[in-house]
Amino acid sequence: MHLERNHINMKRLYYIVIASGIVLLSCSKNDNPDPGPTTPQPIELKEAGEQVVESSNEFGLDIFRLLLNDEPEEKNIFISPVSISLALAMTWNGANNATEDSMANALRLDQYTAEEINETFRDLMAGLTTVDEKVLLEIANSIWYRQGFSVEPDFLNINSTYYNAEVAALDFNSPEAVDIINSWVSDQTHEKIQTVLDQIDPQAVMFLINALYFKGIWSIEFNEESTKDETFYLANGSEKTVGMMHFEEEIGYFENDLFQACEMNYGRGNFSMVVLLPKSGYTITDLADQLLPENWNNWTSSFAKIKVNIGFPKFTFEYEKKLNDILGLMGMGIAFDPMQADLTGINSDGGLYIDFVKHNTFVEVNEEGTEAAAVTVVGVNLTSMPIDDIRYMLVNRPFLFAIRETTTNTIVFMGKVAEPVEE
């Protein structure tokens, strides 16, 4: 790879946009009646890797809890902690000094070395793409930089080595540049996400894109004939008629005084959806207050197979959030400060700072399974219970849910459904 190094005018304003974690979960009917393997296949990580994943989950739970408090009660929320973590980890590879420390602290990864972090993400991505033959998970990364812009070779090499990123110089002034990048994204996501850029700013110098595509089905599908119009009770006391899916099967179940929880698997069981339903008299806020890493680990390790009669709503919605303020609260405010940020790992001349972190997601849940997408964009500027009987769980009021990889407990998505909608 040849990089042309030019003198940079410090009065110019550049943008580096890092788009990460276009994550899609899509499900279709399984024509093969043979269910195949039904036991999760462990993803092997080094000891430090297991700890990195646990810390990354802590980041996901923390940011999700802050968003629950930040958004209106009636708003649906859906994020991908993996997407946000990958986007910020890739950016962090270009940070130095106090900015590097603050970003690692915000990511809850400050006790690990760069090698441990990058190796873990590399190994985790490799494991996620091969662990379940019943699930198709594709991960692709790319770096597009403006022809003539000088980028530190180490920054590109790290992202190429650990994230398998394709690197290409592109004439950003060409009217075809936007189409080239969007076409790459569309191809990698099987046309589920077709546009990440509407235009390229004259000062833009780089785009780093992480795309993930996941296709699977519920291990136990809902029968469409069992879906009925039923009432969903919103937090404000109003009611809404929704399509409620039903089955009665042995699945993971757990409950305590605060909530009921169930776990519905995809494929052979490496990926699952965890549903947390507050009990009568409790709210999402009450549940959010307990959504801590230690509790999450205890809850997910407490699931036991039991026959559950579940009613679960179909829903589809999109979510968009600028994360600057939330990430500032989590400890990386210096990275957004033009006068203090240090991203000299991207360009040694300095003057770079993060302008914005924006997160967009999409989710659809139906009888066959789940389809979801997430995009994280980072913009960088240059300036001067008992196991017997049947449990009944009718999810007919606001609830939380998460999609995780079960052997590593990696939280891929987290969401709140305040109102099931089908857009």
Protein backbone atom coordinates (compact mmCIF):
# COMPACT_ATOMS: atom_id res chain seq x y z
CA MET A 1 0.00 0.00 0.00
CA HIS A 2 1.44 3.34 -1.02
CA LEU A 3 0.43 6.46 0.87
CA GLU A 4 1.25 9.90 -0.50
CA ARG A 5 2.27 12.22 2.35
CA ASN A 6 1.55 15.93 1.87
CA HIS A 7 1.96 18.93 4.15
CA ILE A 8 -1.37 19.66 5.87
CA ASN A 9 -2.67 23.19 6.20
CA MET A 10 -3.77 23.43 9.83
CA LYS A 11 -6.44 26.02 8.98
CA ARG A 12 -8.34 23.53 6.86
CA LEU A 13 -11.14 21.45 8.33
CA TYR A 14 -11.12 17.75 7.62
CA TYR A 15 -13.58 15.07 8.46
CA ILE A 16 -12.88 11.48 9.10
CA VAL A 17 -16.03 9.48 9.28
CA ILE A 18 -16.03 6.04 10.77
CA ALA A 19 -19.15 4.07 10.04
CA SER A 20 -19.28 0.88 12.02
CA GLY A 21 -21.44 -1.98 12.84
CA ILE A 22 -24.01 -2.23 10.10
CA VAL A 23 -25.50 -5.22 11.73
CA LEU A 24 -28.36 -7.16 10.28
CA LEU A 25 -30.25 -10.08 11.66
CA SER A 26 -32.59 -11.52 9.06
CA CYS A 27 -34.66 -14.65 9.21
CA SER A 28 -36.33 -16.86 6.65
CA LYS A 29 -38.16 -20.19 6.73
CA ASN A 30 -36.00 -23.26 7.19
CA ASP A 31 -36.95 -25.67 4.43
CA ASN A 32 -34.89 -28.46 6.00
CA PRO A 33 -36.94 -30.30 8.65
CA ASP A 34 -33.75 -31.58 10.27
CA PRO A 35 -33.00 -29.12 13.06
CA GLY A 36 -29.31 -30.00 12.97
CA PRO A 37 -27.06 -29.38 16.00
CA THR A 38 -28.95 -27.84 18.89
CA THR A 39 -26.06 -27.31 21.29
CA PRO A 40 -24.10 -24.02 21.16
CA GLN A 41 -20.53 -24.35 19.94
CA PRO A 42 -18.13 -22.47 22.24
CA ILE A 43 -16.20 -19.54 20.80
CA GLU A 44 -12.66 -19.95 22.09
CA LEU A 45 -11.09 -16.74 23.39
CA LYS A 46 -7.92 -16.17 25.36
CA GLU A 47 -8.32 -15.46 29.07
CA ALA A 48 -7.81 -11.75 28.48
CA GLY A 49 -10.30 -11.96 25.60
CA GLU A 50 -13.05 -13.25 27.86
CA GLN A 51 -12.40 -10.33 30.20
CA VAL A 52 -12.41 -7.85 27.31
CA VAL A 53 -15.83 -9.15 26.20
CA GLU A 54 -17.16 -8.84 29.75
CA SER A 55 -15.87 -5.25 29.95
CA SER A 56 -17.32 -4.48 26.53
CA ASN A 57 -20.68 -5.76 27.78
CA GLU A 58 -20.31 -3.37 30.72
CA PHE A 59 -19.92 -0.53 28.21
CA GLY A 60 -23.05 -1.69 26.37
CA LEU A 61 -25.12 -1.93 29.54
CA ASP A 62 -23.90 1.47 30.75
CA ILE A 63 -24.69 3.27 27.50
CA PHE A 64 -28.06 1.54 27.21
CA ARG A 65 -28.98 2.50 30.78
CA LEU A 66 -28.04 6.13 30.09
CA LEU A 67 -30.15 6.13 26.93
CA LEU A 68 -33.14 4.73 28.83
CA ASN A 69 -32.89 7.69 31.19
CA ASP A 70 -32.25 10.18 28.38
CA GLU A 71 -35.08 9.27 26.02
CA PRO A 72 -38.82 9.95 26.58
CA GLU A 73 -40.72 7.13 28.27
CA GLU A 74 -42.84 6.51 25.18
CA LYS A 75 -39.91 6.15 22.75
CA ASN A 76 -38.64 2.82 21.43
CA ILE A 77 -34.87 2.33 21.72
CA PHE A 78 -32.58 -0.07 19.88
CA ILE A 79 -28.79 -0.06 19.85
CA SER A 80 -25.90 -2.35 18.98
CA PRO A 81 -23.21 -2.24 21.69
CA VAL A 82 -20.94 -4.27 19.40
CA SER A 83 -21.34 -1.71 16.62
CA ILE A 84 -20.57 1.24 18.88
CA SER A 85 -17.65 -0.57 20.51
CA LEU A 86 -16.10 -1.50 17.16
CA ALA A 87 -16.46 2.03 15.79
CA LEU A 88 -14.87 3.61 18.84
CA ALA A 89 -12.17 0.91 19.13
CA MET A 90 -11.11 1.54 15.55
CA THR A 91 -10.99 5.28 16.29
CA TRP A 92 -9.15 4.62 19.54
CA ASN A 93 -6.35 2.99 17.53
CA GLY A 94 -5.54 6.50 16.31
CA ALA A 95 -5.69 8.18 19.73
CA ASN A 96 -2.74 9.02 21.99
CA ASN A 97 -2.05 10.32 25.49
CA ALA A 98 -5.04 11.58 27.51
CA THR A 99 -7.43 11.05 24.59
CA GLU A 100 -6.39 7.42 24.33
CA ASP A 101 -6.89 6.96 28.07
CA SER A 102 -10.28 8.67 28.14
CA MET A 103 -11.64 6.65 25.21
CA ALA A 104 -10.42 3.38 26.77
CA ASN A 105 -12.08 4.40 30.03
CA ALA A 106 -15.37 5.18 28.28
CA LEU A 107 -15.21 1.83 26.49
CA ARG A 108 -14.53 0.19 29.89
CA LEU A 109 -11.32 -1.23 28.39
CA ASP A 110 -8.72 0.87 30.22
CA GLN A 111 -7.22 -2.13 32.06
CA TYR A 112 -6.21 -3.89 28.83
CA THR A 113 -3.42 -3.41 26.33
CA ALA A 114 -4.03 -2.40 22.72
CA GLU A 115 -2.93 -5.88 21.64
CA GLU A 116 -5.42 -7.57 23.99
CA ILE A 117 -8.27 -5.36 22.77
CA ASN A 118 -7.55 -5.70 19.07
CA GLU A 119 -6.82 -9.44 19.32
CA THR A 120 -10.10 -9.98 21.14
CA PHE A 121 -12.15 -8.16 18.52
CA ARG A 122 -10.31 -10.07 15.78
CA ASP A 123 -10.93 -13.44 17.44
CA LEU A 124 -14.51 -12.57 18.35
CA MET A 125 -15.35 -11.57 14.77
CA ALA A 126 -13.76 -14.77 13.48
CA GLY A 127 -15.73 -16.85 15.96
CA LEU A 128 -19.05 -15.15 15.31
CA THR A 129 -18.80 -15.82 11.58
CA THR A 130 -18.10 -19.56 11.91
CA VAL A 131 -19.68 -20.74 15.15
CA ASP A 132 -23.13 -21.76 13.86
CA GLU A 133 -23.67 -23.49 10.53
CA LYS A 134 -27.38 -22.69 10.87
CA VAL A 135 -26.64 -18.97 10.92
CA LEU A 136 -25.02 -16.85 8.22
CA LEU A 137 -22.92 -14.07 9.71
CA GLU A 138 -20.69 -12.06 7.39
CA ILE A 139 -18.34 -9.29 8.56
CA ALA A 140 -16.53 -6.89 6.22
CA ASN A 141 -14.45 -3.79 6.93
CA SER A 142 -13.09 -1.15 4.59
CA ILE A 143 -11.09 2.08 4.71
CA TRP A 144 -11.57 4.67 1.98
CA TYR A 145 -9.22 7.65 2.08
CA ARG A 146 -8.92 10.74 -0.10
CA GLN A 147 -6.18 10.52 -2.69
CA GLY A 148 -3.26 12.63 -1.49
CA PHE A 149 -4.24 12.66 2.20
CA SER A 150 -1.43 11.50 4.48
CA VAL A 151 -2.41 8.73 6.89
CA GLU A 152 -0.12 7.09 9.43
CA PRO A 153 0.79 3.63 8.06
CA ASP A 154 0.55 2.06 11.52
CA PHE A 155 -3.07 3.20 11.87
CA LEU A 156 -4.02 1.55 8.60
CA ASN A 157 -1.94 -1.55 9.31
CA ILE A 158 -3.60 -2.10 12.70
CA ASN A 159 -7.08 -1.91 11.21
CA SER A 160 -6.05 -4.11 8.27
CA THR A 161 -4.41 -6.72 10.51
CA TYR A 162 -6.96 -6.97 13.28
CA TYR A 163 -10.15 -5.95 11.47
CA ASN A 164 -9.25 -7.34 8.03
CA ALA A 165 -10.08 -3.95 6.53
CA GLU A 166 -9.85 -3.42 2.79
CA VAL A 167 -7.92 -0.21 2.05
CA ALA A 168 -8.48 1.91 -1.06
CA ALA A 169 -7.63 5.44 -2.15
CA LEU A 170 -10.58 7.21 -3.76
CA ASP A 171 -11.06 10.48 -5.58
CA PHE A 172 -13.57 12.08 -3.21
CA ASN A 173 -14.15 14.90 -5.71
CA SER A 174 -15.55 12.47 -8.25
CA PRO A 175 -19.38 12.38 -8.40
CA GLU A 176 -19.06 8.58 -8.47
CA ALA A 177 -17.31 8.35 -5.09
CA VAL A 178 -20.53 8.31 -3.03
CA ASP A 179 -22.01 5.60 -5.24
CA ILE A 180 -18.85 3.48 -4.96
CA ILE A 181 -18.93 3.53 -1.16
CA ASN A 182 -22.70 3.01 -0.94
CA SER A 183 -22.49 0.13 -3.42
CA TRP A 184 -19.86 -1.56 -1.26
CA VAL A 185 -22.14 -1.23 1.78
CA SER A 186 -25.14 -2.51 -0.16
CA ASP A 187 -23.20 -5.54 -1.39
CA GLN A 188 -21.90 -6.44 2.07
CA THR A 189 -25.34 -6.14 3.67
CA HIS A 190 -27.20 -7.99 0.91
CA GLU A 191 -28.93 -4.72 -0.02
CA LYS A 192 -30.50 -4.35 3.43
CA ILE A 193 -28.69 -1.03 3.90
CA GLN A 194 -28.08 0.74 0.63
CA THR A 195 -27.04 4.26 1.65
CA VAL A 196 -24.65 5.48 4.34
CA LEU A 197 -23.51 8.63 2.54
CA ASP A 198 -25.59 11.25 0.74
CA GLN A 199 -22.59 13.35 -0.18
CA ILE A 200 -18.90 13.75 0.60
CA ASP A 201 -17.91 17.00 2.26
CA PRO A 202 -15.11 18.82 0.40
CA GLN A 203 -12.99 18.52 3.55
CA ALA A 204 -13.65 14.82 4.16
CA VAL A 205 -10.52 12.69 4.09
CA MET A 206 -11.47 9.20 5.24
CA PHE A 207 -14.32 6.73 5.75
CA LEU A 208 -13.89 3.58 7.81
CA ILE A 209 -16.82 1.20 7.42
CA ASN A 210 -17.66 -1.94 9.33
CA ALA A 211 -20.51 -4.04 7.87
CA LEU A 212 -22.07 -7.13 9.41
CA TYR A 213 -24.79 -9.33 7.93
CA PHE A 214 -26.60 -11.98 9.97
CA LYS A 215 -29.25 -14.35 8.67
CA GLY A 216 -30.92 -16.96 10.81
CA ILE A 217 -34.26 -18.20 12.09
CA TRP A 218 -35.75 -18.93 15.47
CA SER A 219 -34.77 -22.39 16.71
CA ILE A 220 -38.48 -22.75 17.47
CA GLU A 221 -40.53 -20.67 15.06
CA PHE A 222 -43.89 -19.14 15.87
CA ASN A 223 -46.80 -20.51 13.85
CA GLU A 224 -48.36 -17.66 11.88
CA GLU A 225 -51.80 -19.20 12.45
CA SER A 226 -51.31 -18.65 16.19
CA THR A 227 -50.74 -14.91 15.79
CA LYS A 228 -53.73 -12.94 17.02
CA ASP A 229 -54.68 -9.30 17.42
CA GLU A 230 -54.38 -8.54 21.12
CA THR A 231 -54.05 -5.56 23.44
CA PHE A 232 -50.69 -4.05 24.38
CA TYR A 233 -50.78 -1.70 27.37
CA LEU A 234 -48.60 1.40 27.00
CA ALA A 235 -46.86 3.09 29.94
CA ASN A 236 -49.20 6.11 29.78
CA GLY A 237 -52.23 3.91 30.36
CA SER A 238 -53.46 3.81 26.77
CA GLU A 239 -53.97 0.63 24.79
CA LYS A 240 -52.96 -0.55 21.33
CA THR A 241 -53.92 -3.58 19.27
CA VAL A 242 -50.87 -5.54 18.09
CA GLY A 243 -50.16 -8.84 16.37
CA MET A 244 -49.27 -11.17 19.27
CA MET A 245 -47.35 -14.34 18.40
CA HIS A 246 -47.78 -17.47 20.54
CA PHE A 247 -46.17 -20.80 21.28
CA GLU A 248 -45.83 -23.21 24.21
CA GLU A 249 -42.40 -24.84 24.24
CA GLU A 250 -39.47 -25.59 26.51
CA ILE A 251 -37.21 -22.53 26.44
CA GLY A 252 -34.90 -20.74 28.87
CA TYR A 253 -36.85 -19.04 31.65
CA PHE A 254 -36.05 -17.06 34.79
CA GLU A 255 -37.97 -14.77 37.10
CA ASN A 256 -37.51 -12.80 40.30
CA ASP A 257 -39.57 -10.28 42.24
CA LEU A 258 -38.92 -7.58 39.61
CA PHE A 259 -39.41 -9.27 36.24
CA GLN A 260 -40.01 -12.35 34.13
CA ALA A 261 -37.39 -13.31 31.55
CA CYS A 262 -37.20 -15.80 28.74
CA GLU A 263 -34.57 -16.68 26.16
CA MET A 264 -35.48 -17.65 22.59
CA ASN A 265 -32.68 -19.15 20.50
CA TYR A 266 -31.67 -18.71 16.88
CA GLY A 267 -30.08 -21.54 14.88
CA ARG A 268 -28.20 -24.04 17.05
CA GLY A 269 -28.37 -21.74 20.07
CA ASN A 270 -25.26 -19.60 19.82
CA PHE A 271 -27.44 -16.55 19.30
CA SER A 272 -30.53 -15.81 21.33
CA MET A 273 -32.99 -13.09 22.26
CA VAL A 274 -33.37 -12.34 25.96
CA VAL A 275 -36.71 -10.71 26.89
CA LEU A 276 -37.09 -8.89 30.23
CA LEU A 277 -40.70 -8.10 31.20
CA PRO A 278 -41.28 -6.02 34.36
CA LYS A 279 -43.87 -7.54 36.66
CA SER A 280 -47.10 -5.74 37.52
CA GLY A 281 -46.37 -2.71 39.69
CA TYR A 282 -42.87 -2.20 38.25
CA THR A 283 -41.69 -0.11 35.30
CA ILE A 284 -38.92 -0.08 32.74
CA THR A 285 -37.17 2.50 34.94
CA ASP A 286 -37.21 0.10 37.88
CA LEU A 287 -35.67 -2.57 35.67
CA ALA A 288 -33.12 -0.18 34.18
CA ASP A 289 -31.84 0.68 37.66
CA GLN A 290 -30.89 -3.00 38.10
CA LEU A 291 -29.37 -3.41 34.63
CA LEU A 292 -25.81 -3.74 35.90
CA PRO A 293 -23.05 -6.07 34.65
CA GLU A 294 -23.10 -8.32 37.74
CA ASN A 295 -26.88 -8.64 37.58
CA TRP A 296 -26.83 -9.28 33.83
CA ASN A 297 -24.32 -12.11 34.28
CA ASN A 298 -26.36 -13.60 37.11
CA TRP A 299 -29.62 -13.38 35.17
CA THR A 300 -28.29 -14.90 31.96
CA SER A 301 -26.64 -17.74 33.89
CA SER A 302 -29.92 -18.48 35.70
CA PHE A 303 -31.99 -19.50 32.69
CA ALA A 304 -33.40 -23.02 32.99
CA LYS A 305 -35.30 -25.00 30.38
CA ILE A 306 -38.97 -25.09 31.24
CA LYS A 307 -42.22 -25.17 29.31
CA VAL A 308 -43.31 -21.59 28.69
CA ASN A 309 -46.52 -20.39 27.10
CA ILE A 310 -45.43 -17.09 25.62
CA GLY A 311 -47.24 -14.32 23.81
CA PHE A 312 -44.79 -11.98 22.07
CA PRO A 313 -45.63 -8.97 19.88
CA LYS A 314 -44.46 -8.49 16.32
CA PHE A 315 -42.73 -5.14 15.86
CA THR A 316 -40.65 -3.08 13.47
CA PHE A 317 -39.02 0.28 14.17
CA GLU A 318 -35.98 2.44 13.50
CA TYR A 319 -33.87 4.40 15.97
CA GLU A 320 -31.38 7.23 15.57
CA LYS A 321 -29.28 8.94 18.22
CA LYS A 322 -26.32 11.29 18.37
CA LEU A 323 -24.16 9.89 21.16
CA ASN A 324 -21.80 12.81 21.90
CA ASP A 325 -23.40 13.79 25.23
CA ILE A 326 -23.85 10.20 26.41
CA LEU A 327 -20.24 9.30 25.61
CA GLY A 328 -19.11 12.50 27.30
CA LEU A 329 -20.86 11.37 30.46
CA MET A 330 -19.10 8.03 30.14
CA GLY A 331 -15.68 9.69 30.28
CA MET A 332 -14.46 10.51 26.78
CA GLY A 333 -15.36 14.20 26.65
CA ILE A 334 -11.77 15.17 25.85
CA ALA A 335 -12.02 13.37 22.50
CA PHE A 336 -14.72 15.87 21.44
CA ASP A 337 -12.66 18.92 22.50
CA PRO A 338 -10.90 20.60 19.55
CA MET A 339 -8.28 22.10 21.87
CA GLN A 340 -7.43 18.93 23.84
CA ALA A 341 -8.11 15.86 21.69
CA ASP A 342 -5.09 13.90 20.49
CA LEU A 343 -5.68 11.65 17.48
CA THR A 344 -2.13 11.87 16.18
CA GLY A 345 -2.20 8.14 15.55
CA ILE A 346 -4.30 8.93 12.48
CA ASN A 347 -2.18 11.85 11.34
CA SER A 348 0.96 12.88 13.22
CA ASP A 349 0.46 16.58 12.46
CA GLY A 350 -2.34 16.59 15.05
CA GLY A 351 -5.34 18.89 15.34
CA LEU A 352 -7.87 16.08 15.03
CA TYR A 353 -10.89 15.68 17.30
CA ILE A 354 -14.14 13.73 17.22
CA ASP A 355 -16.93 15.92 15.90
CA PHE A 356 -19.82 13.47 16.31
CA VAL A 357 -20.80 9.89 17.03
CA LYS A 358 -24.13 8.96 15.47
CA HIS A 359 -25.97 5.64 15.80
CA ASN A 360 -28.75 4.38 13.49
CA THR A 361 -30.57 1.08 13.89
CA PHE A 362 -33.46 -0.96 12.50
CA VAL A 363 -35.22 -4.01 13.96
CA GLU A 364 -38.05 -6.28 12.82
CA VAL A 365 -39.34 -9.27 14.80
CA ASN A 366 -41.85 -11.71 13.33
CA GLU A 367 -42.83 -15.38 13.39
CA GLU A 368 -39.71 -16.50 11.52
CA GLY A 369 -37.10 -14.58 13.45
CA THR A 370 -35.41 -11.22 13.69
CA GLU A 371 -33.93 -8.73 11.25
CA ALA A 372 -31.88 -5.87 12.60
CA ALA A 373 -29.38 -3.31 11.36
CA ALA A 374 -27.03 -0.86 13.05
CA VAL A 375 -24.69 1.85 11.79
CA THR A 376 -22.31 3.85 13.98
CA VAL A 377 -20.71 6.93 12.43
CA VAL A 378 -17.79 8.73 14.10
CA GLY A 379 -16.88 12.07 12.55
CA VAL A 380 -13.40 13.50 13.22
CA ASN A 381 -12.46 17.12 12.42
CA LEU A 382 -9.11 18.85 11.96
CA THR A 383 -8.72 22.42 13.32
CA SER A 384 -6.17 24.63 14.77
CA MET A 385 -36.77 -19.70 40.14
CA PRO A 386 -38.73 -23.42 40.68
CA ILE A 387 -38.56 -25.67 37.59
CA ASP A 388 -42.02 -27.26 37.45
CA ASP A 389 -45.40 -26.60 35.91
CA ILE A 390 -45.96 -24.25 32.98
CA ARG A 391 -45.00 -20.59 33.15
CA TYR A 392 -47.17 -18.04 31.38
CA MET A 393 -45.53 -14.93 29.98
CA LEU A 394 -47.73 -12.52 28.05
CA VAL A 395 -45.53 -9.66 26.86
CA ASN A 396 -48.33 -7.11 26.62
CA ARG A 397 -46.66 -4.05 28.16
CA PRO A 398 -43.33 -2.21 27.70
CA PHE A 399 -40.32 -4.51 27.91
CA LEU A 400 -36.58 -4.73 27.32
CA PHE A 401 -34.80 -7.22 25.08
CA ALA A 402 -31.29 -8.14 24.05
CA ILE A 403 -29.71 -10.33 21.40
CA ARG A 404 -26.56 -12.06 22.63
CA GLU A 405 -24.06 -14.75 21.67
CA THR A 406 -24.59 -17.30 24.39
CA THR A 407 -21.14 -18.88 24.85
CA THR A 408 -19.29 -15.54 25.25
CA ASN A 409 -22.35 -13.64 26.53
CA THR A 410 -21.55 -10.92 23.97
CA ILE A 411 -24.39 -8.41 23.81
CA VAL A 412 -24.96 -7.73 20.10
CA PHE A 413 -28.15 -5.65 20.46
CA MET A 414 -30.23 -4.16 23.25
CA GLY A 415 -33.65 -2.54 22.99
CA LYS A 416 -36.73 -1.21 24.69
CA VAL A 417 -40.19 -1.65 23.21
CA ALA A 418 -42.45 1.03 24.63
CA GLU A 419 -44.94 0.58 21.79
CA PRO A 420 -44.87 -2.25 19.22
CA VAL A 421 -45.19 -0.73 15.76
CA GLU A 422 -45.05 -2.26 12.30
CA GLU A 423 -43.67 0.35 9.92
